[in-house]
N, C-alpha and C. Protein backbone atom coordinates (compact mmCIF):
# COMPACT_ATOMS: atom_id res chain seq x y z
N MET A 1 27.39 -59.88 137.69
CA MET A 1 26.55 -59.72 138.80
C MET A 1 27.60 -60.58 140.07
N ASP A 2 27.62 -61.39 140.43
CA ASP A 2 28.50 -62.19 141.70
C ASP A 2 29.76 -61.17 142.16
N VAL A 3 29.96 -60.79 141.21
CA VAL A 3 31.21 -59.70 141.45
C VAL A 3 30.83 -58.62 142.29
N LEU A 4 29.77 -58.00 141.56
CA LEU A 4 29.36 -56.42 142.39
C LEU A 4 28.82 -57.03 143.60
N MET A 5 28.03 -57.90 143.83
CA MET A 5 27.63 -58.67 145.12
C MET A 5 28.69 -58.59 146.26
N ILE A 6 29.80 -59.19 145.60
CA ILE A 6 30.90 -59.12 147.03
C ILE A 6 31.90 -58.30 147.24
N GLN A 7 31.59 -56.84 145.83
CA GLN A 7 32.32 -55.80 146.57
C GLN A 7 31.76 -55.27 146.90
N SER A 8 30.32 -55.20 147.42
CA SER A 8 29.25 -53.66 147.90
C SER A 8 29.59 -54.74 149.22
N PHE A 9 29.65 -55.94 149.68
CA PHE A 9 30.23 -56.08 150.62
C PHE A 9 31.29 -55.95 151.46
N ALA A 10 32.12 -55.92 150.58
CA ALA A 10 33.23 -55.73 151.08
C ALA A 10 34.07 -54.30 151.63
N GLU A 11 33.00 -53.27 151.27
CA GLU A 11 33.28 -51.83 151.74
C GLU A 11 32.01 -51.67 152.97
N PRO A 12 32.26 -51.55 154.10
CA PRO A 12 31.33 -51.01 154.56
C PRO A 12 30.81 -49.39 155.04
N GLY A 13 29.65 -49.30 154.90
CA GLY A 13 29.20 -47.94 154.68
C GLY A 13 29.02 -47.29 156.30
N LEU A 14 28.58 -45.93 156.02
CA LEU A 14 28.56 -45.47 157.67
C LEU A 14 27.02 -45.93 157.96
N THR A 15 26.45 -46.57 157.28
CA THR A 15 25.31 -47.47 158.14
C THR A 15 25.85 -48.64 158.91
N HIS A 16 26.46 -49.09 158.31
CA HIS A 16 27.75 -50.58 159.35
C HIS A 16 27.49 -49.74 160.73
N PHE A 17 28.59 -48.79 160.16
CA PHE A 17 29.64 -48.49 161.49
C PHE A 17 28.60 -47.82 162.41
N LEU A 18 27.38 -46.80 162.06
CA LEU A 18 26.52 -46.69 163.01
C LEU A 18 25.40 -47.60 163.79
N ILE A 19 25.42 -49.21 162.96
CA ILE A 19 24.51 -50.34 163.73
C ILE A 19 25.28 -50.98 164.75
N VAL A 20 26.72 -50.77 164.53
CA VAL A 20 28.00 -51.54 165.36
C VAL A 20 27.72 -50.62 166.57
N SER A 21 27.64 -49.18 166.35
CA SER A 21 27.94 -48.02 167.02
C SER A 21 26.90 -47.99 168.50
N ALA A 22 24.98 -48.39 167.92
CA ALA A 22 24.25 -48.56 168.62
C ALA A 22 24.20 -49.64 169.47
N ILE A 23 24.45 -50.65 168.79
CA ILE A 23 24.73 -52.20 169.35
C ILE A 23 25.75 -52.25 170.70
N LEU A 24 26.61 -51.75 170.71
CA LEU A 24 27.85 -50.88 171.83
C LEU A 24 27.17 -49.88 172.23
N PHE A 25 26.61 -48.85 172.18
CA PHE A 25 25.84 -47.95 173.46
C PHE A 25 24.75 -49.03 174.10
N SER A 26 24.09 -49.58 173.11
CA SER A 26 23.09 -50.54 174.17
C SER A 26 23.38 -51.00 175.12
N LEU A 27 24.49 -52.24 174.43
CA LEU A 27 25.28 -53.06 175.89
C LEU A 27 25.85 -52.36 176.82
N GLY A 28 26.56 -50.87 176.56
CA GLY A 28 26.97 -49.98 177.55
C GLY A 28 25.73 -49.98 178.70
N ILE A 29 24.85 -49.40 177.91
CA ILE A 29 24.04 -48.97 178.76
C ILE A 29 23.11 -50.28 179.35
N MET A 30 22.92 -51.28 179.04
CA MET A 30 22.06 -52.28 180.03
C MET A 30 23.43 -52.74 180.85
N ALA A 31 24.81 -52.85 180.71
CA ALA A 31 25.77 -53.38 181.74
C ALA A 31 25.40 -52.04 182.77
N VAL A 32 25.32 -50.73 182.68
CA VAL A 32 25.71 -49.64 183.49
C VAL A 32 24.43 -49.62 184.21
N LEU A 33 22.82 -49.91 183.99
CA LEU A 33 21.54 -50.03 184.47
C LEU A 33 21.34 -51.23 185.38
N SER A 34 22.18 -52.42 184.69
CA SER A 34 21.42 -53.38 185.01
C SER A 34 22.59 -54.33 186.32
N ARG A 35 23.46 -54.22 186.34
CA ARG A 35 25.03 -54.53 187.01
C ARG A 35 25.31 -53.62 188.18
N ARG A 36 25.24 -54.77 189.43
CA ARG A 36 25.96 -53.93 190.56
C ARG A 36 27.12 -54.34 190.86
N ASN A 37 27.76 -55.24 189.97
CA ASN A 37 29.25 -54.74 190.16
C ASN A 37 30.30 -53.60 189.67
N THR A 38 30.73 -52.68 190.91
CA THR A 38 31.44 -51.60 190.17
C THR A 38 32.23 -51.99 188.86
N ILE A 39 32.93 -52.90 189.03
CA ILE A 39 33.83 -52.90 187.86
C ILE A 39 33.11 -53.47 186.20
N MET A 40 32.20 -54.21 186.63
CA MET A 40 30.87 -54.07 185.57
C MET A 40 30.27 -52.66 185.25
N VAL A 41 29.63 -51.93 185.59
CA VAL A 41 29.19 -50.98 185.36
C VAL A 41 30.46 -50.17 184.86
N LEU A 42 31.99 -49.84 185.44
CA LEU A 42 33.08 -49.39 184.65
C LEU A 42 33.21 -49.80 183.03
N MET A 43 32.83 -50.38 182.85
CA MET A 43 33.08 -51.47 181.52
C MET A 43 32.57 -50.70 180.31
N GLY A 44 30.74 -50.92 181.57
CA GLY A 44 29.17 -50.61 180.36
C GLY A 44 29.70 -49.00 180.49
N VAL A 45 30.14 -47.87 181.08
CA VAL A 45 30.81 -46.38 180.77
C VAL A 45 31.83 -47.03 179.84
N GLU A 46 32.57 -47.46 179.62
CA GLU A 46 34.22 -47.56 178.74
C GLU A 46 33.86 -48.17 176.97
N LEU A 47 32.21 -49.00 176.94
CA LEU A 47 31.72 -49.49 176.24
C LEU A 47 31.15 -48.11 175.37
N ILE A 48 30.25 -47.32 176.16
CA ILE A 48 29.43 -46.15 175.86
C ILE A 48 30.61 -45.34 175.45
N LEU A 49 31.69 -44.94 175.89
CA LEU A 49 32.83 -44.27 175.37
C LEU A 49 32.92 -44.73 173.84
N ASN A 50 33.31 -46.02 173.71
CA ASN A 50 33.49 -46.53 172.40
C ASN A 50 32.75 -46.60 171.39
N SER A 51 31.37 -46.70 171.60
CA SER A 51 30.49 -46.34 170.48
C SER A 51 30.30 -44.61 170.02
N ALA A 52 31.05 -43.83 171.20
CA ALA A 52 30.84 -42.52 170.36
C ALA A 52 31.98 -42.25 169.57
N ASN A 53 33.14 -43.00 170.17
CA ASN A 53 34.42 -42.82 169.19
C ASN A 53 33.86 -43.47 167.82
N ILE A 54 33.14 -44.60 168.08
CA ILE A 54 33.19 -45.10 166.31
C ILE A 54 32.49 -44.05 165.58
N ASN A 55 31.13 -43.36 166.54
CA ASN A 55 30.70 -42.12 166.09
C ASN A 55 31.20 -41.55 165.17
N PHE A 56 32.13 -40.79 165.70
CA PHE A 56 33.40 -39.66 165.76
C PHE A 56 33.77 -39.57 164.29
N ILE A 57 34.14 -41.02 164.45
CA ILE A 57 35.30 -41.52 163.45
C ILE A 57 34.50 -41.38 161.95
N ALA A 58 33.40 -42.58 161.83
CA ALA A 58 32.76 -42.62 160.78
C ALA A 58 32.48 -41.28 160.33
N PHE A 59 31.82 -40.39 161.02
CA PHE A 59 31.52 -39.28 160.07
C PHE A 59 32.26 -38.53 159.89
N SER A 60 33.63 -38.53 160.35
CA SER A 60 34.56 -38.18 160.09
C SER A 60 35.02 -38.59 158.52
N ARG A 61 34.99 -39.74 158.52
CA ARG A 61 35.60 -40.71 157.56
C ARG A 61 34.26 -40.46 156.16
N PHE A 62 32.82 -40.33 156.31
CA PHE A 62 32.00 -40.34 155.14
C PHE A 62 31.35 -38.95 154.91
N THR A 63 31.94 -37.99 155.75
CA THR A 63 31.67 -36.60 155.32
C THR A 63 32.69 -35.95 155.54
N GLU A 64 32.77 -34.48 155.43
CA GLU A 64 33.50 -33.55 154.80
C GLU A 64 33.85 -32.98 156.02
N LEU A 65 34.55 -33.55 156.89
CA LEU A 65 34.60 -33.37 158.46
C LEU A 65 36.41 -33.29 158.32
N SER A 66 37.08 -33.89 157.38
CA SER A 66 38.42 -34.04 157.25
C SER A 66 38.83 -34.67 158.57
N LEU A 67 40.07 -34.19 159.41
CA LEU A 67 40.09 -35.11 160.62
C LEU A 67 39.83 -34.64 161.87
N ASP A 68 38.86 -33.82 161.42
CA ASP A 68 38.32 -33.15 163.17
C ASP A 68 37.58 -34.59 163.96
N GLY A 69 36.49 -35.44 163.50
CA GLY A 69 36.31 -36.44 164.33
C GLY A 69 37.23 -37.52 164.84
N GLN A 70 38.96 -37.65 164.21
CA GLN A 70 39.71 -38.33 164.26
C GLN A 70 40.29 -37.64 165.24
N MET A 71 40.28 -36.61 165.31
CA MET A 71 41.48 -36.06 166.62
C MET A 71 40.03 -36.19 167.57
N ILE A 72 39.24 -35.80 167.78
CA ILE A 72 38.07 -35.83 168.63
C ILE A 72 38.07 -37.31 168.90
N GLY A 73 38.13 -38.28 168.70
CA GLY A 73 38.35 -39.61 168.57
C GLY A 73 39.47 -39.81 169.94
N LEU A 74 40.33 -39.53 169.15
CA LEU A 74 42.06 -39.48 170.28
C LEU A 74 41.52 -38.78 171.69
N PHE A 75 41.10 -37.59 171.33
CA PHE A 75 40.84 -37.21 172.80
C PHE A 75 39.75 -37.57 173.93
N VAL A 76 39.16 -38.71 173.28
CA VAL A 76 38.15 -39.42 173.93
C VAL A 76 38.70 -40.75 174.62
N ILE A 77 39.57 -41.44 173.61
CA ILE A 77 40.35 -42.50 174.21
C ILE A 77 41.39 -41.95 174.89
N ILE A 78 41.88 -40.66 175.20
CA ILE A 78 42.99 -40.32 176.27
C ILE A 78 41.88 -40.42 177.88
N ILE A 79 41.15 -39.79 177.32
CA ILE A 79 40.26 -39.47 178.77
C ILE A 79 39.76 -40.19 179.26
N ALA A 80 39.44 -41.66 178.09
CA ALA A 80 38.69 -43.04 178.75
C ALA A 80 39.92 -43.59 179.13
N ALA A 81 41.29 -43.35 179.16
CA ALA A 81 42.46 -44.07 179.34
C ALA A 81 42.30 -43.42 181.10
N ALA A 82 42.40 -42.16 181.30
CA ALA A 82 42.53 -41.52 182.45
C ALA A 82 41.55 -41.65 183.45
N GLU A 83 40.28 -42.04 182.33
CA GLU A 83 39.05 -41.99 183.63
C GLU A 83 39.07 -43.86 184.11
N ALA A 84 39.84 -45.13 183.35
CA ALA A 84 39.97 -46.09 183.71
C ALA A 84 41.15 -46.01 185.28
N ALA A 85 41.72 -45.01 184.68
CA ALA A 85 42.34 -45.06 186.01
C ALA A 85 42.31 -44.69 187.10
N VAL A 86 42.02 -43.71 186.90
CA VAL A 86 41.19 -43.01 188.17
C VAL A 86 39.65 -43.54 188.94
N ALA A 87 39.27 -44.33 188.11
CA ALA A 87 38.35 -45.12 188.59
C ALA A 87 38.57 -46.41 188.83
N LEU A 88 39.81 -47.03 188.68
CA LEU A 88 40.06 -48.38 189.23
C LEU A 88 40.79 -47.98 190.40
N ALA A 89 41.30 -47.10 190.69
CA ALA A 89 41.91 -46.28 191.85
C ALA A 89 40.94 -45.94 192.81
N ILE A 90 39.52 -45.69 192.46
CA ILE A 90 38.53 -45.35 193.23
C ILE A 90 38.15 -47.00 193.72
N VAL A 91 37.68 -47.77 193.02
CA VAL A 91 37.54 -49.14 193.42
C VAL A 91 38.16 -49.98 194.82
N LEU A 92 39.74 -49.42 193.97
CA LEU A 92 40.68 -49.97 195.05
C LEU A 92 40.28 -49.65 196.55
N ASN A 93 39.87 -48.34 196.48
CA ASN A 93 40.02 -48.18 198.17
C ASN A 93 38.38 -47.91 198.57
N VAL A 94 37.85 -48.03 197.82
CA VAL A 94 36.56 -48.42 198.39
C VAL A 94 36.31 -50.15 198.49
N TYR A 95 37.42 -50.70 197.92
CA TYR A 95 37.63 -52.30 198.47
C TYR A 95 37.81 -52.55 199.59
N ASN A 96 39.13 -51.60 200.04
CA ASN A 96 40.00 -51.41 201.13
C ASN A 96 39.02 -51.27 202.54
N ARG A 97 37.88 -50.49 202.01
CA ARG A 97 37.72 -49.79 203.32
C ARG A 97 36.29 -51.14 203.51
N PHE A 98 35.56 -51.22 202.79
CA PHE A 98 34.16 -52.26 202.74
C PHE A 98 34.81 -53.00 202.19
N LYS A 99 35.32 -53.88 201.70
CA LYS A 99 35.67 -55.22 201.69
C LYS A 99 34.46 -56.06 201.00
N THR A 100 34.08 -55.00 199.94
CA THR A 100 33.23 -55.64 199.02
C THR A 100 33.07 -54.64 197.76
N ILE A 101 32.66 -54.98 196.54
CA ILE A 101 32.68 -54.04 195.29
C ILE A 101 31.17 -53.55 194.90
N ASN A 102 30.47 -54.03 195.09
CA ASN A 102 28.74 -54.77 194.59
C ASN A 102 27.97 -53.11 195.03
N LEU A 103 27.65 -52.40 194.46
CA LEU A 103 27.05 -51.16 194.75
C LEU A 103 26.45 -51.27 195.59
N ASP A 104 25.50 -52.54 195.56
CA ASP A 104 24.37 -52.19 196.56
C ASP A 104 24.56 -52.74 198.37
N GLU A 105 26.26 -53.28 198.74
CA GLU A 105 26.41 -53.24 199.80
C GLU A 105 27.29 -52.52 200.09
N ILE A 106 27.17 -51.11 199.78
CA ILE A 106 28.06 -50.64 200.20
C ILE A 106 26.72 -48.77 200.58
N SER A 107 26.34 -48.78 202.10
CA SER A 107 25.78 -47.79 202.51
C SER A 107 25.90 -47.13 202.94
N LEU A 108 27.13 -47.16 203.28
CA LEU A 108 27.81 -45.76 204.01
C LEU A 108 27.83 -44.24 203.28
N LEU A 109 28.22 -45.31 201.79
CA LEU A 109 28.00 -43.73 201.21
C LEU A 109 26.86 -43.01 201.02
N LYS A 110 25.27 -43.58 200.81
CA LYS A 110 24.36 -42.98 200.82
C LYS A 110 23.80 -41.86 201.47
N GLY A 111 24.09 -41.82 202.96
CA GLY A 111 24.07 -40.82 203.36
C GLY A 111 24.47 -39.81 204.65
């Protein structure tokens, strides 16, 4: 009986991956909505993209999608890397111009 209980905990199922993905997505949304620092907002966006990756790969593994979900996950990783490089360049340019990366203090971009 104990062996069956240990074995059931050894292999996570689709529900486990979806729970982890939902937690990452929630943390990403909280970071985007509550932070005023540009770097923290970008980190929140990365968490949201990673939660989508977990969903794609988990559904690919536990359904009949074969490698489609994994290929989409690979493309999301590539897009996230390009987004991080472009976003970092934008943040550095904003810092050089305004001497701050806080979103509230950058008022010239509003109007």
